[in-house]
Amino acid sequence: MLEELIRKWLKKIKQEWKTAFLAAAIFGLLTHLYIFTNYMPHHDGILSIYTPQQGFQMGRFFLTPFSGIGSYFDLPWLNGMLSVFFLALTAVALTELFRLQKTLSIILTAGLLTTFPVITATLSYTFTADGYMAASFVTVLALLVASKYKYGFLPGAFLLYMGVSVYQANFPFLLTAATVFLINEILSYGINSRKVISYIARFGLLSLIGMGLYYLTFKLYTDVFSGELLEYQGVDEVGSSSAGVLEIIPLIKEGMVEYFFRGIPADVPTNLFEVLNVLLFILIVLAIVAAVVEKRIYESGWKLAVVMVLLFSLPFSAYSLFFISPDIWYHFLMILAVIGFYLLPVVIYDKLKVPSILLKVTSWSTVLLFAVIIFNFAIIANISYLNMELKFEKSQALALRILDRVEQTEGFDEDTPIAVYGSVPIESEISTLVSQKIPPLTGPLQRIMLQDARHFQSMMDNFFGVPYEFILDEEDLQEIVQSAAYEEMEAWPAESSVQMSDGVLIIKLEE
């Protein structure tokens, strides 16, 4: 009975879904095998070898159950495999959402998703990556359900609520995916105005109810249960921002330039990443023109106007969190929504069928450009992981040098409390070169791993097996910093940078 049910279910799986899942799994494994088979935590990872991810203070109300899928331990292989699994499901959902039919367009979509630099940055947080990937999947699933069924926005709203309750940046991801979907429906299928309004209404209700549930949970936590919020990325400003569009536009422009063209207007070298992004925008224009000509969209003024409005709204969708807090720092972990710019030409290419010179140019340009982009994304990922490994090894070497000095200090024993002040940069020629050659990925490119006493304590205890007591209270540390003994000390690696004072071993790492 069960076997027969499974066989019937398997027969319903479309070939396009199989292609998307398999392609995403292969791309994901080949690109990220480095980090899945090595243990090289960064500044957050060293504090999160085991963590239940209680993210209520950051408004991430579903982070704990989602991150608990693969346990709360930092398990690179297991969490990595789960992450690839959820990415593969997301690729399937995108394939169905955009109704992709060509094998190449499905493979390109899967490749772009799994190698995207934002995914690389997220996977550097191996202790929680699987939860974030699962949240991205349910976000796309929310949009898919809303697009498929008349009242799909109801279950979709709950899925969206879960997605943004793991990471708020999933809302911009939903908006850009919805925008690409609408552009595709108009250009490729020529849907009428009634259908356009229906989709917009459904997506609007999906967003309104989903974000309404999130806001309700937010208010219950803060007002009813008196929960405290961190002053982190504008989380404490939800519902209170009064920023206007004119104030936001320069911020969005800055964010777009920083991501797509960092090396062109700035004082850093221009790399292949920026060059390919220039070609990407040229291809977007070419693909739009090809679709407009082939589908004769120019004969319908309102359709052309709606497509243009949707196209120019993409940056606003991708960086929509600026409307919550203009002071937000849009780091790499938050810009998965930007993938919409890459998916748009692929989705358009998938529907081009009428033989013409324009079709051939667009098709070949799409396939060749994205093949290079995907390969370059994979290179960026592995350079990032190399930098993480070197940084971890240098941090271990630094901690060992400090530990040796500590244990050689006269009067120190295992019961002596340790006070650490400051940090030591571990820059090198390679790390400087890496920061110039790849985008500024949050996590892999963090300059300092051992940032404070918590990091040193975790390193000593979990990696060296010496559970010394470190002073973590800020007031106690400030009292030591203001002491005469501390003032007379020189910074590391001077001989006087590690010494005993009033029964406390003080380590002065910087002035």
Protein backbone atom coordinates (compact mmCIF):
# COMPACT_ATOMS: atom_id res chain seq x y z
CA MET A 1 0.00 0.00 0.00
CA LEU A 2 2.70 2.46 1.02
CA GLU A 3 4.91 1.43 -1.91
CA GLU A 4 2.05 1.95 -4.36
CA LEU A 5 1.34 5.39 -2.90
CA ILE A 6 5.00 6.34 -3.27
CA ARG A 7 5.05 5.12 -6.91
CA LYS A 8 1.98 7.22 -7.72
CA TRP A 9 3.56 10.24 -6.08
CA LEU A 10 6.83 9.77 -7.96
CA LYS A 11 4.97 9.59 -11.28
CA LYS A 12 3.60 13.08 -10.63
CA ILE A 13 7.08 14.56 -10.41
CA LYS A 14 7.71 16.52 -13.60
CA GLN A 15 10.88 16.04 -15.60
CA GLU A 16 11.61 19.76 -15.17
CA TRP A 17 11.54 19.32 -11.39
CA LYS A 18 13.96 16.40 -11.57
CA THR A 19 16.32 18.42 -13.76
CA ALA A 20 16.19 21.41 -11.42
CA PHE A 21 16.75 19.32 -8.30
CA LEU A 22 19.61 17.30 -9.76
CA ALA A 23 21.32 20.35 -11.29
CA ALA A 24 21.10 22.28 -8.02
CA ALA A 25 22.43 19.31 -6.05
CA ILE A 26 25.41 18.90 -8.39
CA PHE A 27 26.22 22.63 -8.52
CA GLY A 28 25.81 22.91 -4.77
CA LEU A 29 28.09 20.00 -3.96
CA LEU A 30 30.80 20.89 -6.47
CA THR A 31 30.86 24.55 -5.44
CA HIS A 32 30.69 24.22 -1.68
CA LEU A 33 32.35 20.85 -0.97
CA TYR A 34 35.34 22.76 0.44
CA ILE A 35 33.40 24.11 3.42
CA PHE A 36 31.29 20.96 3.85
CA THR A 37 34.38 18.80 4.38
CA ASN A 38 36.39 21.15 6.59
CA TYR A 39 35.80 22.78 9.95
CA MET A 40 36.86 26.42 9.76
CA PRO A 41 34.54 28.63 11.82
CA HIS A 42 34.73 32.42 11.69
CA HIS A 43 34.04 35.00 14.40
CA ASP A 44 30.41 33.88 14.89
CA GLY A 45 31.07 30.20 14.30
CA ILE A 46 33.62 29.90 17.10
CA LEU A 47 30.91 31.06 19.53
CA SER A 48 28.26 28.79 18.01
CA ILE A 49 29.65 25.26 18.11
CA TYR A 50 26.36 24.53 19.85
CA THR A 51 23.63 27.14 19.80
CA PRO A 52 19.82 26.90 19.88
CA GLN A 53 19.71 30.15 17.86
CA GLN A 54 17.31 32.00 20.12
CA GLY A 55 16.72 34.88 17.73
CA PHE A 56 13.71 36.53 19.38
CA GLN A 57 15.77 39.60 20.25
CA MET A 58 16.44 40.09 16.53
CA GLY A 59 12.85 39.45 15.48
CA ARG A 60 13.71 35.97 14.15
CA PHE A 61 10.93 34.08 15.86
CA PHE A 62 11.18 30.86 13.82
CA LEU A 63 14.98 30.68 13.70
CA THR A 64 15.20 28.15 16.54
CA PRO A 65 12.93 25.45 15.00
CA PHE A 66 14.32 25.97 11.50
CA SER A 67 17.94 25.80 12.66
CA GLY A 68 17.12 22.73 14.74
CA ILE A 69 16.41 20.65 11.62
CA GLY A 70 19.99 19.39 11.61
CA SER A 71 20.53 19.79 15.37
CA TYR A 72 21.96 22.84 17.10
CA PHE A 73 25.56 21.68 16.64
CA ASP A 74 27.87 23.16 14.01
CA LEU A 75 28.07 20.11 11.72
CA PRO A 76 29.56 21.21 8.37
CA TRP A 77 28.74 18.04 6.41
CA LEU A 78 25.20 17.46 7.71
CA ASN A 79 24.20 21.13 7.69
CA GLY A 80 25.81 21.49 4.28
CA MET A 81 23.86 18.57 2.82
CA LEU A 82 20.63 19.90 4.28
CA SER A 83 21.41 23.33 2.84
CA VAL A 84 21.95 21.84 -0.63
CA PHE A 85 18.71 19.87 -0.26
CA PHE A 86 16.71 23.02 0.51
CA LEU A 87 18.47 24.91 -2.28
CA ALA A 88 17.50 22.12 -4.68
CA LEU A 89 13.88 22.38 -3.54
CA THR A 90 14.06 26.14 -4.04
CA ALA A 91 15.35 25.57 -7.59
CA VAL A 92 12.37 23.28 -8.21
CA ALA A 93 9.98 25.90 -6.83
CA LEU A 94 11.52 28.62 -9.04
CA THR A 95 11.28 26.32 -12.06
CA GLU A 96 7.59 25.79 -11.42
CA LEU A 97 6.95 29.44 -10.54
CA PHE A 98 8.47 30.72 -13.79
CA ARG A 99 7.16 27.72 -15.78
CA LEU A 100 10.62 26.97 -17.15
CA GLN A 101 10.69 24.42 -19.97
CA LYS A 102 14.11 24.50 -21.63
CA THR A 103 16.67 22.23 -19.99
CA LEU A 104 19.40 24.86 -20.27
CA SER A 105 17.32 27.56 -18.59
CA ILE A 106 16.50 25.19 -15.72
CA ILE A 107 20.18 24.28 -15.30
CA LEU A 108 21.20 27.95 -15.42
CA THR A 109 18.59 28.84 -12.79
CA ALA A 110 19.80 26.05 -10.50
CA GLY A 111 23.41 27.07 -11.07
CA LEU A 112 22.79 30.75 -10.35
CA LEU A 113 20.91 29.96 -7.15
CA THR A 114 23.39 27.50 -5.66
CA THR A 115 26.58 29.39 -6.55
CA PHE A 116 25.28 32.89 -5.81
CA PRO A 117 27.72 34.79 -3.53
CA VAL A 118 24.97 35.42 -0.98
CA ILE A 119 24.60 31.65 -0.61
CA THR A 120 28.37 31.37 -0.13
CA ALA A 121 28.28 34.02 2.59
CA THR A 122 25.38 32.24 4.31
CA LEU A 123 27.10 28.85 4.14
CA SER A 124 30.07 30.31 6.01
CA TYR A 125 27.66 30.29 8.98
CA THR A 126 27.45 26.49 8.84
CA PHE A 127 25.90 26.26 12.31
CA THR A 128 22.69 27.86 11.02
CA ALA A 129 22.89 27.75 7.20
CA ASP A 130 20.36 24.92 6.82
CA GLY A 131 17.71 26.94 8.65
CA TYR A 132 18.24 29.96 6.42
CA MET A 133 18.09 27.85 3.25
CA ALA A 134 14.86 26.23 4.44
CA ALA A 135 13.41 29.70 5.05
CA SER A 136 14.33 30.80 1.51
CA PHE A 137 12.56 27.72 0.18
CA VAL A 138 9.31 28.37 2.08
CA THR A 139 9.43 32.00 0.88
CA VAL A 140 9.47 30.93 -2.79
CA LEU A 141 6.88 28.26 -1.99
CA ALA A 142 4.63 30.98 -0.56
CA LEU A 143 4.76 32.88 -3.85
CA LEU A 144 4.25 29.70 -5.87
CA VAL A 145 1.12 28.71 -3.93
CA ALA A 146 -0.29 32.24 -4.21
CA SER A 147 0.28 32.28 -7.98
CA LYS A 148 -1.24 28.84 -8.57
CA TYR A 149 -4.47 29.06 -6.60
CA LYS A 150 -7.12 31.72 -6.23
CA TYR A 151 -6.96 31.62 -2.44
CA GLY A 152 -3.38 30.41 -2.31
CA PHE A 153 -2.39 33.66 -0.66
CA LEU A 154 -3.85 32.32 2.61
CA PRO A 155 -1.51 29.34 3.12
CA GLY A 156 1.14 31.35 1.30
CA ALA A 157 0.87 34.11 3.90
CA PHE A 158 1.70 31.67 6.68
CA LEU A 159 4.67 30.35 4.69
CA LEU A 160 5.89 33.92 4.18
CA TYR A 161 5.38 34.60 7.88
CA MET A 162 7.67 31.67 8.69
CA GLY A 163 10.23 32.76 6.09
CA VAL A 164 10.58 36.34 7.36
CA SER A 165 10.47 35.08 10.96
CA VAL A 166 13.73 33.27 10.22
CA TYR A 167 15.30 36.16 8.32
CA GLN A 168 13.61 39.46 7.47
CA ALA A 169 15.59 39.71 4.21
CA ASN A 170 13.34 37.00 2.76
CA PHE A 171 10.65 39.63 2.21
CA PRO A 172 12.71 41.55 -0.42
CA PHE A 173 13.51 38.14 -1.94
CA LEU A 174 9.78 37.48 -2.31
CA LEU A 175 9.17 40.92 -3.82
CA THR A 176 11.84 40.54 -6.51
CA ALA A 177 10.69 37.01 -7.35
CA ALA A 178 7.12 38.30 -7.68
CA THR A 179 8.31 41.15 -9.91
CA VAL A 180 10.22 38.78 -12.21
CA PHE A 181 7.16 36.51 -12.28
CA LEU A 182 4.86 39.35 -13.40
CA ILE A 183 7.31 40.53 -16.07
CA ASN A 184 7.52 36.96 -17.36
CA GLU A 185 3.74 36.50 -17.40
CA ILE A 186 3.22 39.70 -19.42
CA LEU A 187 6.12 39.26 -21.85
CA SER A 188 5.86 35.51 -22.38
CA TYR A 189 2.16 34.78 -22.03
CA GLY A 190 0.60 38.16 -22.80
CA ILE A 191 -1.83 37.92 -19.90
CA ASN A 192 -4.69 40.42 -19.90
CA SER A 193 -5.19 43.29 -17.48
CA ARG A 194 -7.67 41.30 -15.39
CA LYS A 195 -5.09 38.57 -14.81
CA VAL A 196 -2.39 41.13 -13.96
CA ILE A 197 -4.68 42.76 -11.39
CA SER A 198 -5.56 39.32 -9.98
CA TYR A 199 -1.89 38.44 -9.49
CA ILE A 200 -1.08 41.82 -7.95
CA ALA A 201 -4.06 41.50 -5.59
CA ARG A 202 -3.06 37.99 -4.54
CA PHE A 203 0.57 38.95 -4.00
CA GLY A 204 -0.52 42.07 -2.17
CA LEU A 205 -2.74 40.07 0.19
CA LEU A 206 0.03 37.50 0.58
CA SER A 207 2.44 40.23 1.67
CA LEU A 208 -0.10 42.09 3.80
CA ILE A 209 -1.27 39.03 5.75
CA GLY A 210 2.17 37.43 6.01
CA MET A 211 3.89 40.58 7.21
CA GLY A 212 0.85 41.36 9.36
CA LEU A 213 1.32 38.05 11.18
CA TYR A 214 4.99 38.89 11.61
CA TYR A 215 4.16 42.34 12.99
CA LEU A 216 1.55 40.85 15.33
CA THR A 217 4.13 38.40 16.70
CA PHE A 218 6.58 41.27 16.99
CA LYS A 219 4.12 43.36 19.04
CA LEU A 220 3.13 40.40 21.23
CA TYR A 221 6.78 39.76 22.02
CA THR A 222 7.62 43.38 22.79
CA ASP A 223 4.38 44.63 24.40
CA VAL A 224 2.68 41.61 25.96
CA PHE A 225 5.70 39.52 26.95
CA SER A 226 7.94 42.58 27.48
CA GLY A 227 10.63 41.08 25.26
CA GLU A 228 13.69 43.18 24.54
CA LEU A 229 15.02 43.81 21.05
CA LEU A 230 18.60 44.38 20.04
CA GLU A 231 19.46 47.65 18.32
CA TYR A 232 20.53 45.57 15.36
CA GLN A 233 19.86 46.44 11.72
CA GLY A 234 16.80 48.51 12.60
CA VAL A 235 14.92 45.58 14.18
CA ASP A 236 13.87 47.82 17.07
CA GLU A 237 12.43 50.32 14.55
CA VAL A 238 9.90 47.99 12.89
CA GLY A 239 6.71 49.93 12.29
CA SER A 240 8.21 53.26 13.37
CA SER A 241 10.26 54.41 10.37
CA SER A 242 9.03 57.54 8.58
CA ALA A 243 11.58 57.53 5.77
CA GLY A 244 10.31 58.87 2.46
CA VAL A 245 10.99 57.65 -1.08
CA LEU A 246 13.26 60.61 -1.87
CA GLU A 247 15.35 59.74 1.18
CA ILE A 248 15.54 56.08 0.20
CA ILE A 249 16.45 56.45 -3.51
CA PRO A 250 20.10 57.49 -2.89
CA LEU A 251 20.50 54.58 -0.47
CA ILE A 252 19.16 52.12 -3.04
CA LYS A 253 21.44 53.59 -5.71
CA GLU A 254 24.42 53.26 -3.38
CA GLY A 255 23.50 49.66 -2.58
CA MET A 256 23.15 48.75 -6.26
CA VAL A 257 26.47 50.35 -7.18
CA GLU A 258 28.22 48.73 -4.22
CA TYR A 259 27.06 45.25 -5.22
CA PHE A 260 27.14 45.30 -9.01
CA PHE A 261 29.92 47.79 -9.81
CA ARG A 262 32.09 48.04 -6.70
CA GLY A 263 35.38 47.99 -8.62
CA ILE A 264 34.35 50.43 -11.35
CA PRO A 265 33.69 53.77 -9.60
CA ALA A 266 35.74 52.95 -6.48
CA ASP A 267 39.43 52.76 -5.66
CA VAL A 268 39.57 48.96 -5.79
CA PRO A 269 40.60 46.88 -8.83
CA THR A 270 37.92 46.10 -11.39
CA ASN A 271 37.46 42.33 -11.49
CA LEU A 272 35.64 39.87 -13.70
CA PHE A 273 32.67 40.05 -11.30
CA GLU A 274 32.03 43.72 -12.12
CA VAL A 275 32.64 43.25 -15.86
CA LEU A 276 30.14 40.39 -15.99
CA ASN A 277 27.58 42.53 -14.16
CA VAL A 278 27.93 45.25 -16.80
CA LEU A 279 27.28 42.61 -19.45
CA LEU A 280 24.34 41.36 -17.37
CA PHE A 281 22.53 44.70 -17.61
CA ILE A 282 23.19 44.86 -21.34
CA LEU A 283 21.71 41.36 -21.63
CA ILE A 284 18.64 42.39 -19.61
CA VAL A 285 17.94 45.16 -22.11
CA LEU A 286 18.56 42.79 -25.04
CA ALA A 287 16.26 40.13 -23.57
CA ILE A 288 13.47 42.63 -22.89
CA VAL A 289 13.70 43.95 -26.45
CA ALA A 290 13.71 40.41 -27.89
CA ALA A 291 10.60 39.46 -25.91
CA VAL A 292 8.79 42.70 -26.75
CA VAL A 293 9.47 42.19 -30.46
CA GLU A 294 8.67 38.46 -30.55
CA LYS A 295 5.46 38.74 -28.54
CA ARG A 296 4.52 42.07 -30.18
CA ILE A 297 4.12 43.69 -26.77
CA TYR A 298 4.73 47.09 -28.37
CA GLU A 299 1.21 46.85 -29.82
CA SER A 300 -0.23 47.07 -26.31
CA GLY A 301 0.77 50.31 -24.64
CA TRP A 302 -0.41 49.34 -21.16
CA LYS A 303 1.52 46.06 -21.19
CA LEU A 304 4.72 47.80 -22.23
CA ALA A 305 4.19 50.46 -19.57
CA VAL A 306 3.56 47.87 -16.83
CA VAL A 307 6.68 45.92 -17.83
CA MET A 308 8.79 49.09 -17.65
CA VAL A 309 7.35 50.02 -14.25
CA LEU A 310 8.03 46.52 -12.94
CA LEU A 311 11.54 46.55 -14.36
CA PHE A 312 12.43 49.87 -12.74
CA SER A 313 10.84 48.73 -9.46
CA LEU A 314 13.28 45.83 -9.10
CA PRO A 315 15.89 47.87 -7.16
CA PHE A 316 13.16 49.12 -4.80
CA SER A 317 12.03 45.52 -4.20
CA ALA A 318 15.56 44.22 -3.68
CA TYR A 319 16.41 46.96 -1.16
CA SER A 320 12.94 47.40 0.34
CA LEU A 321 14.20 47.01 3.93
CA PHE A 322 15.51 50.56 3.64
CA PHE A 323 11.86 51.60 4.06
CA ILE A 324 11.89 49.95 7.51
CA SER A 325 15.13 51.58 8.58
CA PRO A 326 17.27 53.92 6.44
CA ASP A 327 20.18 53.21 8.79
CA ILE A 328 20.21 49.51 7.96
CA TRP A 329 23.48 48.04 6.71
CA TYR A 330 22.66 45.97 3.63
CA HIS A 331 25.47 43.45 3.97
CA PHE A 332 25.88 40.41 1.74
CA LEU A 333 23.75 38.08 3.82
CA MET A 334 20.75 40.33 3.19
CA ILE A 335 20.78 40.67 -0.59
CA LEU A 336 19.56 37.32 -1.88
CA ALA A 337 16.84 39.40 -3.55
CA VAL A 338 19.44 40.72 -6.01
CA ILE A 339 19.39 37.31 -7.71
CA GLY A 340 16.22 38.51 -9.43
CA PHE A 341 18.36 40.59 -11.81
CA TYR A 342 20.22 37.44 -12.85
CA LEU A 343 17.11 35.29 -13.19
CA LEU A 344 15.20 37.75 -15.38
CA PRO A 345 17.16 37.17 -18.66
CA VAL A 346 17.10 33.39 -18.09
CA VAL A 347 13.33 33.41 -17.61
CA ILE A 348 12.84 35.49 -20.76
CA TYR A 349 15.24 33.30 -22.77
CA ASP A 350 13.22 30.24 -21.76
CA LYS A 351 10.15 31.52 -23.62
CA LEU A 352 11.81 32.83 -26.81
CA LYS A 353 10.88 30.50 -29.69
CA VAL A 354 10.38 32.35 -32.99
CA PRO A 355 13.53 31.92 -35.15
CA SER A 356 15.26 35.25 -35.79
CA ILE A 357 18.67 36.89 -35.59
CA LEU A 358 17.61 38.65 -32.39
CA LEU A 359 16.55 35.31 -30.86
CA LYS A 360 19.87 33.67 -31.71
CA VAL A 361 21.90 36.57 -30.33
CA THR A 362 19.84 36.67 -27.12
CA SER A 363 19.90 32.91 -26.63
CA TRP A 364 23.63 32.47 -27.19
CA SER A 365 24.43 35.54 -25.10
CA THR A 366 22.29 34.26 -22.23
CA VAL A 367 23.76 30.76 -22.16
CA LEU A 368 27.39 31.83 -22.59
CA LEU A 369 27.26 34.78 -20.19
CA PHE A 370 25.58 32.84 -17.40
CA ALA A 371 27.89 29.87 -17.86
CA VAL A 372 30.80 32.24 -17.18
CA ILE A 373 28.93 33.97 -14.32
CA ILE A 374 28.17 30.65 -12.60
CA PHE A 375 31.78 29.50 -12.96
CA ASN A 376 33.00 32.83 -11.59
CA PHE A 377 30.57 32.56 -8.66
CA ALA A 378 32.03 29.11 -7.89
CA ILE A 379 35.56 30.53 -7.97
CA ILE A 380 34.51 33.35 -5.62
CA ALA A 381 33.06 30.75 -3.23
CA ASN A 382 36.25 28.72 -3.09
CA ILE A 383 38.48 31.79 -2.70
CA SER A 384 36.23 32.78 0.21
CA TYR A 385 36.61 29.38 1.83
CA LEU A 386 40.39 29.46 1.35
CA ASN A 387 40.45 32.81 3.13
CA MET A 388 38.36 31.37 5.96
CA GLU A 389 40.73 28.43 6.40
CA LEU A 390 43.82 30.64 6.42
CA LYS A 391 42.17 33.04 8.86
CA PHE A 392 41.19 30.21 11.20
CA GLU A 393 44.70 28.75 11.14
CA LYS A 394 46.28 32.16 11.77
CA SER A 395 43.86 32.75 14.64
CA GLN A 396 44.73 29.39 16.17
CA ALA A 397 48.44 30.19 15.86
CA LEU A 398 47.90 33.56 17.56
CA ALA A 399 45.89 31.97 20.37
CA LEU A 400 48.60 29.35 20.91
CA ARG A 401 51.28 32.05 21.17
CA ILE A 402 49.17 33.93 23.71
CA LEU A 403 48.41 30.72 25.63
CA ASP A 404 52.11 29.88 25.81
CA ARG A 405 52.89 33.36 27.15
CA VAL A 406 50.04 33.10 29.66
CA GLU A 407 51.19 29.78 31.08
CA GLN A 408 54.77 31.03 31.37
CA THR A 409 53.71 34.06 33.42
CA GLU A 410 54.89 33.86 37.03
CA GLY A 411 52.03 33.55 39.51
CA PHE A 412 49.48 32.24 36.99
CA ASP A 413 47.56 29.04 37.69
CA GLU A 414 44.39 27.40 36.39
CA ASP A 415 42.20 29.33 38.84
CA THR A 416 43.51 32.75 37.81
CA PRO A 417 40.93 34.91 35.98
CA ILE A 418 42.08 36.31 32.63
CA ALA A 419 41.23 39.77 31.29
CA VAL A 420 41.71 40.31 27.55
CA TYR A 421 41.54 43.76 26.05
CA GLY A 422 41.52 44.48 22.32
CA SER A 423 42.21 42.27 19.32
CA VAL A 424 45.05 41.52 16.93
CA PRO A 425 44.56 42.02 13.17
CA ILE A 426 45.62 38.94 11.23
CA GLU A 427 45.95 40.58 7.85
CA SER A 428 48.43 39.17 5.35
CA GLU A 429 49.35 39.70 1.73
CA ILE A 430 46.93 36.96 0.68
CA SER A 431 44.01 38.23 2.78
CA THR A 432 44.50 41.74 1.40
CA LEU A 433 44.57 40.36 -2.13
CA VAL A 434 41.42 38.31 -1.50
CA SER A 435 39.50 41.38 -0.33
CA GLN A 436 40.44 43.11 -3.60
CA LYS A 437 39.61 40.19 -5.88
CA ILE A 438 36.16 39.15 -4.68
CA PRO A 439 33.00 40.93 -3.45
CA PRO A 440 32.87 41.87 0.26
CA LEU A 441 31.19 38.70 1.51
CA THR A 442 30.00 38.96 5.10
CA GLY A 443 31.58 36.17 7.11
CA PRO A 444 34.40 34.84 4.94
CA LEU A 445 36.09 38.25 4.71
CA GLN A 446 35.76 39.25 8.37
CA ARG A 447 39.13 40.80 9.29
CA ILE A 448 39.40 39.64 12.90
CA MET A 449 38.24 36.28 14.22
CA LEU A 450 39.24 36.57 17.89
CA GLN A 451 37.41 39.82 18.60
CA ASP A 452 36.99 39.74 22.38
CA ALA A 453 37.27 37.60 25.53
CA ARG A 454 34.38 35.33 24.48
CA HIS A 455 36.26 34.25 21.36
CA PHE A 456 39.47 33.59 23.27
CA GLN A 457 37.58 31.63 25.91
CA SER A 458 35.90 29.45 23.27
CA MET A 459 39.19 28.86 21.45
CA MET A 460 41.04 27.94 24.65
CA ASP A 461 38.25 25.71 25.98
CA ASN A 462 36.91 23.98 22.85
CA PHE A 463 40.05 23.76 20.71
CA PHE A 464 42.93 23.61 23.20
CA GLY A 465 41.18 21.94 26.13
CA VAL A 466 42.15 24.59 28.70
CA PRO A 467 38.94 25.93 30.30
CA TYR A 468 40.41 29.03 31.89
CA GLU A 469 38.15 31.66 33.42
CA PHE A 470 37.88 34.84 31.34
CA ILE A 471 36.43 38.08 32.63
CA LEU A 472 33.47 38.87 30.36
CA ASP A 473 31.70 41.64 32.28
CA GLU A 474 32.28 44.99 30.55
CA GLU A 475 32.33 46.99 33.79
CA ASP A 476 34.99 44.73 35.28
CA LEU A 477 37.07 45.02 32.11
CA GLN A 478 36.78 48.81 32.09
CA GLU A 479 37.92 48.94 35.70
CA ILE A 480 41.05 46.98 34.76
CA VAL A 481 41.67 49.12 31.66
CA GLN A 482 41.61 52.26 33.80
CA SER A 483 44.10 50.86 36.31
CA ALA A 484 47.68 52.13 36.62
CA ALA A 485 49.08 48.65 35.96
CA TYR A 486 47.28 48.48 32.63
CA GLU A 487 48.46 51.94 31.58
CA GLU A 488 52.08 50.91 32.09
CA MET A 489 51.70 47.81 29.90
CA GLU A 490 52.69 47.78 26.22
CA ALA A 491 50.55 46.19 23.51
CA TRP A 492 51.08 42.67 22.18
CA PRO A 493 53.59 41.18 21.42
CA ALA A 494 55.70 43.22 23.86
CA GLU A 495 57.02 41.36 26.90
CA SER A 496 54.89 43.50 29.23
CA SER A 497 51.68 42.84 27.26
CA VAL A 498 50.91 39.79 29.44
CA GLN A 499 51.31 40.16 33.20
CA MET A 500 49.72 39.54 36.59
CA SER A 501 48.08 42.35 38.57
CA ASP A 502 46.06 41.95 41.78
CA GLY A 503 45.42 38.26 41.13
CA VAL A 504 44.24 38.83 37.54
CA LEU A 505 46.22 37.97 34.42
CA ILE A 506 45.91 40.88 31.98
CA ILE A 507 46.46 40.54 28.23
CA LYS A 508 46.81 43.85 26.40
CA LEU A 509 46.45 43.23 22.67
CA GLU A 510 46.13 46.83 21.47
CA GLU A 511 46.50 50.38 22.75
